[in-house]
Amino acid sequence: MKKDIHPKYGEAKVICACGHTWETKSTRPETKVGICAKCHPFFTGKQKFVDTAGRVERFRQRYGIKSDDK
């Protein structure tokens, strides 16, 4: 193995969007994640609904696609 070509591996702080933080080891000193085990619906048992109504309609309107409603 060559010397002095590997990144430093040490303590790292992981920060979730919900505010939960924990320590781990990494080559980067800090990492930000969007979801963790404290806020993920699979682990919490709570469903978070995302309002997607209007996305498809806006897409169809933008590109002139007619809806296939019968």
N, C-alpha and C. Protein backbone atom coordinates (compact mmCIF):
# COMPACT_ATOMS: atom_id res chain seq x y z
N MET A 1 0.84 -1.19 0.00
CA MET A 1 0.00 0.00 0.00
C MET A 1 0.87 1.24 0.00
N LYS A 2 0.45 2.23 -0.74
CA LYS A 2 1.19 3.48 -0.77
C LYS A 2 0.87 4.28 0.47
N LYS A 3 1.83 5.02 0.95
CA LYS A 3 1.64 5.84 2.14
C LYS A 3 1.15 7.22 1.75
N ASP A 4 0.39 7.83 2.65
CA ASP A 4 -0.09 9.22 2.54
C ASP A 4 -1.00 9.48 1.34
N ILE A 5 -1.70 8.47 0.84
CA ILE A 5 -2.66 8.73 -0.25
C ILE A 5 -4.09 8.48 0.20
N HIS A 6 -4.28 7.90 1.37
CA HIS A 6 -5.61 7.57 1.85
C HIS A 6 -6.19 8.72 2.66
N PRO A 7 -7.51 8.96 2.55
CA PRO A 7 -8.12 10.03 3.35
C PRO A 7 -8.13 9.66 4.83
N LYS A 8 -8.20 10.67 5.67
CA LYS A 8 -8.23 10.43 7.11
C LYS A 8 -9.61 9.89 7.50
N TYR A 9 -9.61 8.87 8.32
CA TYR A 9 -10.83 8.21 8.77
C TYR A 9 -10.98 8.49 10.26
N GLY A 10 -12.07 9.16 10.63
CA GLY A 10 -12.24 9.50 12.03
C GLY A 10 -13.69 9.74 12.39
N GLU A 11 -13.91 10.37 13.54
CA GLU A 11 -15.25 10.66 14.04
C GLU A 11 -15.99 11.59 13.07
N ALA A 12 -17.28 11.32 12.89
CA ALA A 12 -18.12 12.12 12.01
C ALA A 12 -19.47 12.33 12.65
N LYS A 13 -20.09 13.45 12.36
CA LYS A 13 -21.40 13.80 12.90
C LYS A 13 -22.42 13.68 11.77
N VAL A 14 -23.50 12.95 12.01
CA VAL A 14 -24.58 12.80 11.03
C VAL A 14 -25.78 13.58 11.55
N ILE A 15 -26.33 14.44 10.68
CA ILE A 15 -27.46 15.29 11.05
C ILE A 15 -28.63 14.99 10.13
N CYS A 16 -29.77 14.66 10.73
CA CYS A 16 -30.98 14.38 9.96
C CYS A 16 -31.79 15.67 9.81
N ALA A 17 -32.68 15.69 8.83
CA ALA A 17 -33.55 16.85 8.61
C ALA A 17 -34.51 17.07 9.78
N CYS A 18 -34.81 16.00 10.53
CA CYS A 18 -35.72 16.14 11.67
C CYS A 18 -35.01 16.72 12.89
N GLY A 19 -33.68 16.82 12.84
CA GLY A 19 -32.93 17.39 13.95
C GLY A 19 -32.15 16.37 14.76
N HIS A 20 -32.38 15.10 14.54
CA HIS A 20 -31.68 14.05 15.27
C HIS A 20 -30.23 13.97 14.79
N THR A 21 -29.29 13.88 15.71
CA THR A 21 -27.88 13.76 15.36
C THR A 21 -27.27 12.55 16.06
N TRP A 22 -26.23 11.99 15.45
CA TRP A 22 -25.50 10.90 16.06
C TRP A 22 -24.08 10.89 15.50
N GLU A 23 -23.23 10.17 16.21
CA GLU A 23 -21.81 10.09 15.84
C GLU A 23 -21.54 8.76 15.15
N THR A 24 -20.67 8.80 14.18
CA THR A 24 -20.22 7.60 13.48
C THR A 24 -18.79 7.84 13.02
N LYS A 25 -18.29 6.99 12.18
CA LYS A 25 -16.95 7.17 11.63
C LYS A 25 -17.07 7.30 10.11
N SER A 26 -16.25 8.21 9.56
CA SER A 26 -16.29 8.45 8.13
C SER A 26 -15.04 9.22 7.72
N THR A 27 -14.88 9.38 6.42
CA THR A 27 -13.79 10.21 5.92
C THR A 27 -14.22 11.67 5.84
N ARG A 28 -15.50 11.93 6.00
CA ARG A 28 -16.02 13.30 6.02
C ARG A 28 -16.39 13.66 7.46
N PRO A 29 -16.14 14.88 7.88
CA PRO A 29 -16.42 15.25 9.27
C PRO A 29 -17.90 15.41 9.59
N GLU A 30 -18.73 15.73 8.58
CA GLU A 30 -20.15 15.93 8.81
C GLU A 30 -20.95 15.48 7.60
N THR A 31 -22.09 14.83 7.86
CA THR A 31 -22.97 14.36 6.80
C THR A 31 -24.39 14.73 7.15
N LYS A 32 -25.14 15.24 6.17
CA LYS A 32 -26.55 15.58 6.37
C LYS A 32 -27.40 14.60 5.58
N VAL A 33 -28.42 14.05 6.25
CA VAL A 33 -29.33 13.09 5.61
C VAL A 33 -30.75 13.63 5.66
N GLY A 34 -31.59 13.16 4.75
CA GLY A 34 -32.97 13.63 4.68
C GLY A 34 -33.91 12.90 5.60
N ILE A 35 -33.60 11.65 5.92
CA ILE A 35 -34.50 10.87 6.76
C ILE A 35 -33.68 9.84 7.55
N CYS A 36 -34.10 9.57 8.76
CA CYS A 36 -33.38 8.62 9.62
C CYS A 36 -34.37 7.66 10.27
N ALA A 37 -33.87 6.78 11.12
CA ALA A 37 -34.72 5.80 11.78
C ALA A 37 -35.68 6.45 12.78
N LYS A 38 -35.36 7.63 13.26
CA LYS A 38 -36.23 8.33 14.22
C LYS A 38 -37.46 8.93 13.54
N CYS A 39 -37.35 9.26 12.25
CA CYS A 39 -38.48 9.93 11.58
C CYS A 39 -39.02 9.14 10.37
N HIS A 40 -38.43 8.01 10.02
CA HIS A 40 -38.90 7.22 8.88
C HIS A 40 -40.23 6.54 9.23
N PRO A 41 -41.22 6.62 8.35
CA PRO A 41 -42.54 6.04 8.65
C PRO A 41 -42.50 4.54 8.93
N PHE A 42 -41.58 3.80 8.36
CA PHE A 42 -41.50 2.36 8.61
C PHE A 42 -41.18 2.08 10.07
N PHE A 43 -40.31 2.88 10.67
CA PHE A 43 -39.91 2.66 12.05
C PHE A 43 -40.84 3.34 13.05
N THR A 44 -41.43 4.48 12.67
CA THR A 44 -42.30 5.20 13.60
C THR A 44 -43.73 4.71 13.56
N GLY A 45 -44.15 4.11 12.45
CA GLY A 45 -45.53 3.64 12.31
C GLY A 45 -46.49 4.76 11.93
N LYS A 46 -45.98 5.94 11.66
CA LYS A 46 -46.81 7.08 11.25
C LYS A 46 -46.62 7.32 9.77
N GLN A 47 -47.73 7.46 9.07
CA GLN A 47 -47.69 7.71 7.64
C GLN A 47 -47.68 9.20 7.39
N LYS A 48 -46.77 9.66 6.56
CA LYS A 48 -46.73 11.06 6.16
C LYS A 48 -47.25 11.14 4.73
N PHE A 49 -48.33 11.87 4.54
CA PHE A 49 -48.90 12.00 3.21
C PHE A 49 -48.32 13.23 2.54
N VAL A 50 -47.91 13.03 1.30
CA VAL A 50 -47.39 14.12 0.50
C VAL A 50 -48.47 14.50 -0.50
N ASP A 51 -48.80 15.76 -0.55
CA ASP A 51 -49.85 16.22 -1.45
C ASP A 51 -49.30 16.27 -2.87
N THR A 52 -49.69 15.28 -3.68
CA THR A 52 -49.22 15.24 -5.06
C THR A 52 -50.33 15.66 -6.02
N ALA A 53 -51.48 16.02 -5.50
CA ALA A 53 -52.58 16.44 -6.37
C ALA A 53 -52.16 17.69 -7.11
N GLY A 54 -52.35 17.66 -8.39
CA GLY A 54 -52.01 18.81 -9.20
C GLY A 54 -50.71 18.62 -9.98
N ARG A 55 -49.85 17.73 -9.56
CA ARG A 55 -48.58 17.53 -10.27
C ARG A 55 -48.83 16.95 -11.66
N VAL A 56 -49.66 15.92 -11.72
CA VAL A 56 -49.94 15.28 -13.00
C VAL A 56 -50.68 16.26 -13.90
N GLU A 57 -51.64 16.97 -13.34
CA GLU A 57 -52.40 17.93 -14.13
C GLU A 57 -51.51 19.03 -14.67
N ARG A 58 -50.59 19.52 -13.87
CA ARG A 58 -49.66 20.56 -14.33
C ARG A 58 -48.75 20.02 -15.43
N PHE A 59 -48.30 18.77 -15.29
CA PHE A 59 -47.46 18.14 -16.31
C PHE A 59 -48.22 18.03 -17.62
N ARG A 60 -49.46 17.53 -17.54
CA ARG A 60 -50.26 17.37 -18.75
C ARG A 60 -50.55 18.71 -19.41
N GLN A 61 -50.82 19.72 -18.60
CA GLN A 61 -51.11 21.05 -19.14
C GLN A 61 -49.86 21.64 -19.79
N ARG A 62 -48.72 21.45 -19.18
CA ARG A 62 -47.48 22.00 -19.70
C ARG A 62 -47.12 21.40 -21.05
N TYR A 63 -47.32 20.09 -21.20
CA TYR A 63 -46.93 19.42 -22.44
C TYR A 63 -48.10 19.12 -23.36
N GLY A 64 -49.28 19.63 -23.04
CA GLY A 64 -50.43 19.48 -23.93
C GLY A 64 -50.94 18.07 -24.04
N ILE A 65 -50.83 17.28 -23.01
CA ILE A 65 -51.29 15.91 -23.02
C ILE A 65 -52.71 15.87 -22.48
N LYS A 66 -53.60 15.22 -23.23
CA LYS A 66 -54.99 15.12 -22.79
C LYS A 66 -55.11 14.00 -21.77
N SER A 67 -55.96 14.19 -20.78
CA SER A 67 -56.14 13.16 -19.77
C SER A 67 -56.89 11.98 -20.37
N ASP A 68 -56.65 10.81 -19.81
CA ASP A 68 -57.29 9.60 -20.32
C ASP A 68 -58.45 9.20 -19.43
N ASP A 69 -59.16 10.19 -18.86
CA ASP A 69 -60.35 9.92 -18.05
C ASP A 69 -61.47 9.48 -18.97
N LYS A 70 -62.22 8.48 -18.54
CA LYS A 70 -63.29 7.96 -19.39
C LYS A 70 -64.63 8.42 -18.91
